[in-house]
Amino acid sequence: MHALSFPTWMVHCSSVLEWAVAIWLIWGRGPDWQPLALGMMPALISALCACTWHFFDNATSLEWLVDLQALMTLVGNSTLAYGAYRLGAKQQVI
């Protein structure tokens, strides 16, 4: 756990917690909003990958987590954009 300072850990952990709460709150808005909440999940997985890798002092044996984080960021950005598009289309915004 020496890879990051305590304040940096606090930022990482609070960001993951905030993202999880945001997913929960958006999910609770109803069926029209649920695809957006699902679209946020890969980004949460990406953040958890980063935290896990840093927790184990950026161990070289866990470098695959960096690749998984990159993939989940790409997937998360795409699914979040799609979820926002679907929501906008249902709300007659787009």
N, C-alpha and C. Protein backbone atom coordinates (compact mmCIF):
# COMPACT_ATOMS: atom_id res chain seq x y z
N MET A 1 0.81 -1.20 0.00
CA MET A 1 0.00 0.00 0.00
C MET A 1 0.85 1.26 0.00
N HIS A 2 2.11 1.13 -0.29
CA HIS A 2 3.00 2.27 -0.25
C HIS A 2 3.06 3.02 -1.57
N ALA A 3 2.34 2.53 -2.57
CA ALA A 3 2.40 3.16 -3.89
C ALA A 3 1.74 4.53 -3.89
N LEU A 4 0.79 4.76 -3.01
CA LEU A 4 0.07 6.03 -2.97
C LEU A 4 0.09 6.60 -1.56
N SER A 5 0.04 7.92 -1.46
CA SER A 5 -0.03 8.56 -0.15
C SER A 5 -1.44 8.39 0.42
N PHE A 6 -1.56 8.65 1.72
CA PHE A 6 -2.86 8.52 2.36
C PHE A 6 -3.91 9.44 1.74
N PRO A 7 -3.59 10.73 1.50
CA PRO A 7 -4.60 11.59 0.86
C PRO A 7 -5.02 11.09 -0.53
N THR A 8 -4.07 10.55 -1.26
CA THR A 8 -4.41 10.01 -2.59
C THR A 8 -5.32 8.80 -2.46
N TRP A 9 -5.06 7.96 -1.46
CA TRP A 9 -5.94 6.82 -1.20
C TRP A 9 -7.35 7.28 -0.86
N MET A 10 -7.44 8.34 -0.08
CA MET A 10 -8.76 8.86 0.30
C MET A 10 -9.52 9.33 -0.93
N VAL A 11 -8.83 9.98 -1.85
CA VAL A 11 -9.48 10.44 -3.08
C VAL A 11 -9.93 9.24 -3.91
N HIS A 12 -9.05 8.24 -4.05
CA HIS A 12 -9.41 7.05 -4.82
C HIS A 12 -10.63 6.35 -4.23
N CYS A 13 -10.59 6.12 -2.93
CA CYS A 13 -11.69 5.38 -2.28
C CYS A 13 -12.98 6.17 -2.30
N SER A 14 -12.92 7.46 -2.06
CA SER A 14 -14.15 8.25 -2.08
C SER A 14 -14.72 8.35 -3.49
N SER A 15 -13.87 8.37 -4.50
CA SER A 15 -14.35 8.41 -5.88
C SER A 15 -15.08 7.12 -6.25
N VAL A 16 -14.52 5.99 -5.83
CA VAL A 16 -15.17 4.71 -6.10
C VAL A 16 -16.52 4.65 -5.37
N LEU A 17 -16.55 5.09 -4.12
CA LEU A 17 -17.79 5.10 -3.36
C LEU A 17 -18.82 6.03 -3.99
N GLU A 18 -18.39 7.21 -4.41
CA GLU A 18 -19.31 8.16 -5.05
C GLU A 18 -19.88 7.58 -6.34
N TRP A 19 -19.05 6.91 -7.11
CA TRP A 19 -19.51 6.32 -8.37
C TRP A 19 -20.54 5.23 -8.10
N ALA A 20 -20.29 4.40 -7.09
CA ALA A 20 -21.24 3.34 -6.74
C ALA A 20 -22.58 3.94 -6.27
N VAL A 21 -22.52 4.99 -5.48
CA VAL A 21 -23.74 5.66 -5.01
C VAL A 21 -24.48 6.28 -6.20
N ALA A 22 -23.75 6.88 -7.12
CA ALA A 22 -24.38 7.47 -8.31
C ALA A 22 -25.10 6.41 -9.13
N ILE A 23 -24.47 5.25 -9.30
CA ILE A 23 -25.12 4.15 -10.03
C ILE A 23 -26.41 3.76 -9.33
N TRP A 24 -26.35 3.61 -8.03
CA TRP A 24 -27.54 3.21 -7.24
C TRP A 24 -28.65 4.25 -7.37
N LEU A 25 -28.30 5.53 -7.27
CA LEU A 25 -29.30 6.59 -7.36
C LEU A 25 -29.92 6.66 -8.76
N ILE A 26 -29.10 6.53 -9.78
CA ILE A 26 -29.61 6.58 -11.15
C ILE A 26 -30.49 5.36 -11.42
N TRP A 27 -30.09 4.20 -10.93
CA TRP A 27 -30.90 2.98 -11.10
C TRP A 27 -32.29 3.18 -10.50
N GLY A 28 -32.35 3.84 -9.37
CA GLY A 28 -33.61 4.05 -8.67
C GLY A 28 -34.57 5.01 -9.36
N ARG A 29 -34.10 5.70 -10.38
CA ARG A 29 -34.98 6.64 -11.08
C ARG A 29 -35.97 5.94 -11.99
N GLY A 30 -35.80 4.66 -12.23
CA GLY A 30 -36.78 3.93 -13.02
C GLY A 30 -36.20 3.28 -14.25
N PRO A 31 -37.05 2.55 -14.97
CA PRO A 31 -36.59 1.76 -16.12
C PRO A 31 -35.95 2.58 -17.23
N ASP A 32 -36.38 3.81 -17.42
CA ASP A 32 -35.78 4.63 -18.48
C ASP A 32 -34.33 4.97 -18.17
N TRP A 33 -33.99 5.03 -16.91
CA TRP A 33 -32.65 5.42 -16.49
C TRP A 33 -31.72 4.23 -16.25
N GLN A 34 -32.26 3.03 -16.17
CA GLN A 34 -31.44 1.87 -15.82
C GLN A 34 -30.35 1.54 -16.84
N PRO A 35 -30.56 1.71 -18.15
CA PRO A 35 -29.44 1.49 -19.07
C PRO A 35 -28.25 2.43 -18.81
N LEU A 36 -28.54 3.63 -18.37
CA LEU A 36 -27.46 4.56 -18.02
C LEU A 36 -26.68 4.04 -16.82
N ALA A 37 -27.39 3.54 -15.81
CA ALA A 37 -26.73 2.98 -14.63
C ALA A 37 -25.89 1.77 -15.00
N LEU A 38 -26.42 0.91 -15.86
CA LEU A 38 -25.65 -0.26 -16.30
C LEU A 38 -24.43 0.18 -17.11
N GLY A 39 -24.57 1.25 -17.87
CA GLY A 39 -23.46 1.76 -18.64
C GLY A 39 -22.33 2.31 -17.78
N MET A 40 -22.63 2.63 -16.54
CA MET A 40 -21.63 3.13 -15.61
C MET A 40 -20.81 2.02 -14.96
N MET A 41 -21.30 0.80 -15.01
CA MET A 41 -20.64 -0.31 -14.31
C MET A 41 -19.21 -0.59 -14.80
N PRO A 42 -18.94 -0.62 -16.12
CA PRO A 42 -17.55 -0.88 -16.53
C PRO A 42 -16.57 0.18 -16.01
N ALA A 43 -17.01 1.43 -15.89
CA ALA A 43 -16.13 2.46 -15.34
C ALA A 43 -15.83 2.19 -13.86
N LEU A 44 -16.81 1.67 -13.15
CA LEU A 44 -16.59 1.29 -11.76
C LEU A 44 -15.59 0.14 -11.67
N ILE A 45 -15.73 -0.82 -12.55
CA ILE A 45 -14.78 -1.94 -12.60
C ILE A 45 -13.38 -1.42 -12.90
N SER A 46 -13.28 -0.46 -13.80
CA SER A 46 -11.99 0.15 -14.14
C SER A 46 -11.35 0.78 -12.90
N ALA A 47 -12.14 1.51 -12.15
CA ALA A 47 -11.63 2.16 -10.94
C ALA A 47 -11.18 1.13 -9.91
N LEU A 48 -11.94 0.06 -9.78
CA LEU A 48 -11.56 -1.00 -8.83
C LEU A 48 -10.28 -1.70 -9.25
N CYS A 49 -10.07 -1.84 -10.56
CA CYS A 49 -8.81 -2.42 -11.06
C CYS A 49 -7.63 -1.55 -10.64
N ALA A 50 -7.77 -0.24 -10.81
CA ALA A 50 -6.70 0.68 -10.45
C ALA A 50 -6.41 0.62 -8.95
N CYS A 51 -7.46 0.65 -8.14
CA CYS A 51 -7.27 0.60 -6.69
C CYS A 51 -6.62 -0.72 -6.26
N THR A 52 -7.03 -1.81 -6.87
CA THR A 52 -6.46 -3.11 -6.53
C THR A 52 -4.98 -3.16 -6.86
N TRP A 53 -4.62 -2.67 -8.04
CA TRP A 53 -3.22 -2.68 -8.46
C TRP A 53 -2.38 -1.83 -7.52
N HIS A 54 -2.87 -0.65 -7.16
CA HIS A 54 -2.14 0.22 -6.24
C HIS A 54 -2.08 -0.39 -4.84
N PHE A 55 -3.14 -1.07 -4.41
CA PHE A 55 -3.16 -1.69 -3.08
C PHE A 55 -2.02 -2.69 -2.93
N PHE A 56 -1.71 -3.39 -4.02
CA PHE A 56 -0.63 -4.37 -3.99
C PHE A 56 0.68 -3.78 -4.50
N ASP A 57 0.89 -2.49 -4.26
CA ASP A 57 2.13 -1.78 -4.59
C ASP A 57 2.56 -1.93 -6.04
N ASN A 58 1.58 -1.88 -6.94
CA ASN A 58 1.85 -1.94 -8.38
C ASN A 58 2.69 -3.17 -8.76
N ALA A 59 2.32 -4.29 -8.19
CA ALA A 59 3.06 -5.53 -8.42
C ALA A 59 3.08 -5.89 -9.90
N THR A 60 4.26 -6.31 -10.37
CA THR A 60 4.38 -6.66 -11.79
C THR A 60 3.53 -7.89 -12.13
N SER A 61 3.27 -8.74 -11.15
CA SER A 61 2.44 -9.92 -11.41
C SER A 61 0.98 -9.53 -11.66
N LEU A 62 0.62 -8.31 -11.31
CA LEU A 62 -0.76 -7.84 -11.50
C LEU A 62 -0.87 -6.80 -12.61
N GLU A 63 0.14 -6.72 -13.46
CA GLU A 63 0.10 -5.73 -14.53
C GLU A 63 -1.08 -5.94 -15.48
N TRP A 64 -1.63 -7.14 -15.51
CA TRP A 64 -2.80 -7.40 -16.35
C TRP A 64 -3.98 -6.54 -15.91
N LEU A 65 -3.96 -6.09 -14.64
CA LEU A 65 -5.03 -5.20 -14.17
C LEU A 65 -5.00 -3.85 -14.89
N VAL A 66 -3.79 -3.42 -15.28
CA VAL A 66 -3.67 -2.16 -16.02
C VAL A 66 -4.35 -2.30 -17.38
N ASP A 67 -4.12 -3.44 -18.04
CA ASP A 67 -4.77 -3.69 -19.33
C ASP A 67 -6.28 -3.80 -19.17
N LEU A 68 -6.71 -4.49 -18.12
CA LEU A 68 -8.15 -4.61 -17.86
C LEU A 68 -8.76 -3.25 -17.56
N GLN A 69 -8.03 -2.43 -16.83
CA GLN A 69 -8.52 -1.08 -16.53
C GLN A 69 -8.70 -0.28 -17.82
N ALA A 70 -7.73 -0.36 -18.70
CA ALA A 70 -7.83 0.36 -19.98
C ALA A 70 -9.02 -0.13 -20.79
N LEU A 71 -9.20 -1.44 -20.84
CA LEU A 71 -10.32 -2.01 -21.59
C LEU A 71 -11.65 -1.58 -20.98
N MET A 72 -11.75 -1.65 -19.66
CA MET A 72 -13.00 -1.27 -19.00
C MET A 72 -13.28 0.23 -19.14
N THR A 73 -12.23 1.05 -19.22
CA THR A 73 -12.43 2.47 -19.46
C THR A 73 -13.02 2.68 -20.85
N LEU A 74 -12.48 1.98 -21.85
CA LEU A 74 -13.01 2.08 -23.21
C LEU A 74 -14.45 1.59 -23.27
N VAL A 75 -14.70 0.43 -22.70
CA VAL A 75 -16.06 -0.13 -22.70
C VAL A 75 -16.99 0.79 -21.91
N GLY A 76 -16.53 1.27 -20.76
CA GLY A 76 -17.35 2.13 -19.92
C GLY A 76 -17.72 3.43 -20.60
N ASN A 77 -16.77 4.05 -21.27
CA ASN A 77 -17.08 5.29 -21.99
C ASN A 77 -18.09 5.03 -23.10
N SER A 78 -17.95 3.91 -23.77
CA SER A 78 -18.88 3.58 -24.86
C SER A 78 -20.28 3.27 -24.32
N THR A 79 -20.35 2.45 -23.27
CA THR A 79 -21.67 2.08 -22.74
C THR A 79 -22.35 3.27 -22.06
N LEU A 80 -21.57 4.13 -21.44
CA LEU A 80 -22.15 5.32 -20.82
C LEU A 80 -22.70 6.27 -21.89
N ALA A 81 -21.96 6.41 -22.98
CA ALA A 81 -22.45 7.25 -24.08
C ALA A 81 -23.72 6.66 -24.67
N TYR A 82 -23.75 5.34 -24.84
CA TYR A 82 -24.95 4.69 -25.38
C TYR A 82 -26.14 4.85 -24.43
N GLY A 83 -25.89 4.65 -23.14
CA GLY A 83 -26.97 4.81 -22.16
C GLY A 83 -27.51 6.23 -22.14
N ALA A 84 -26.62 7.22 -22.25
CA ALA A 84 -27.05 8.61 -22.29
C ALA A 84 -27.84 8.89 -23.57
N TYR A 85 -27.39 8.30 -24.67
CA TYR A 85 -28.11 8.47 -25.94
C TYR A 85 -29.52 7.90 -25.84
N ARG A 86 -29.62 6.68 -25.30
CA ARG A 86 -30.95 6.05 -25.14
C ARG A 86 -31.86 6.88 -24.25
N LEU A 87 -31.30 7.38 -23.17
CA LEU A 87 -32.11 8.21 -22.27
C LEU A 87 -32.56 9.48 -22.98
N GLY A 88 -31.66 10.11 -23.71
CA GLY A 88 -31.99 11.32 -24.44
C GLY A 88 -33.04 11.06 -25.51
N ALA A 89 -32.93 9.92 -26.18
CA ALA A 89 -33.91 9.58 -27.22
C ALA A 89 -35.29 9.35 -26.61
N LYS A 90 -35.34 8.71 -25.44
CA LYS A 90 -36.63 8.48 -24.78
C LYS A 90 -37.23 9.77 -24.26
N GLN A 91 -36.38 10.72 -23.88
CA GLN A 91 -36.86 11.98 -23.34
C GLN A 91 -37.10 13.01 -24.45
N GLN A 92 -36.93 12.61 -25.69
CA GLN A 92 -37.12 13.48 -26.85
C GLN A 92 -36.14 14.65 -26.86
N VAL A 93 -34.95 14.45 -26.32
CA VAL A 93 -33.94 15.49 -26.31
C VAL A 93 -33.12 15.45 -27.60
N ILE A 94 -32.90 14.24 -28.09
CA ILE A 94 -32.04 14.06 -29.26
C ILE A 94 -32.89 14.03 -30.51
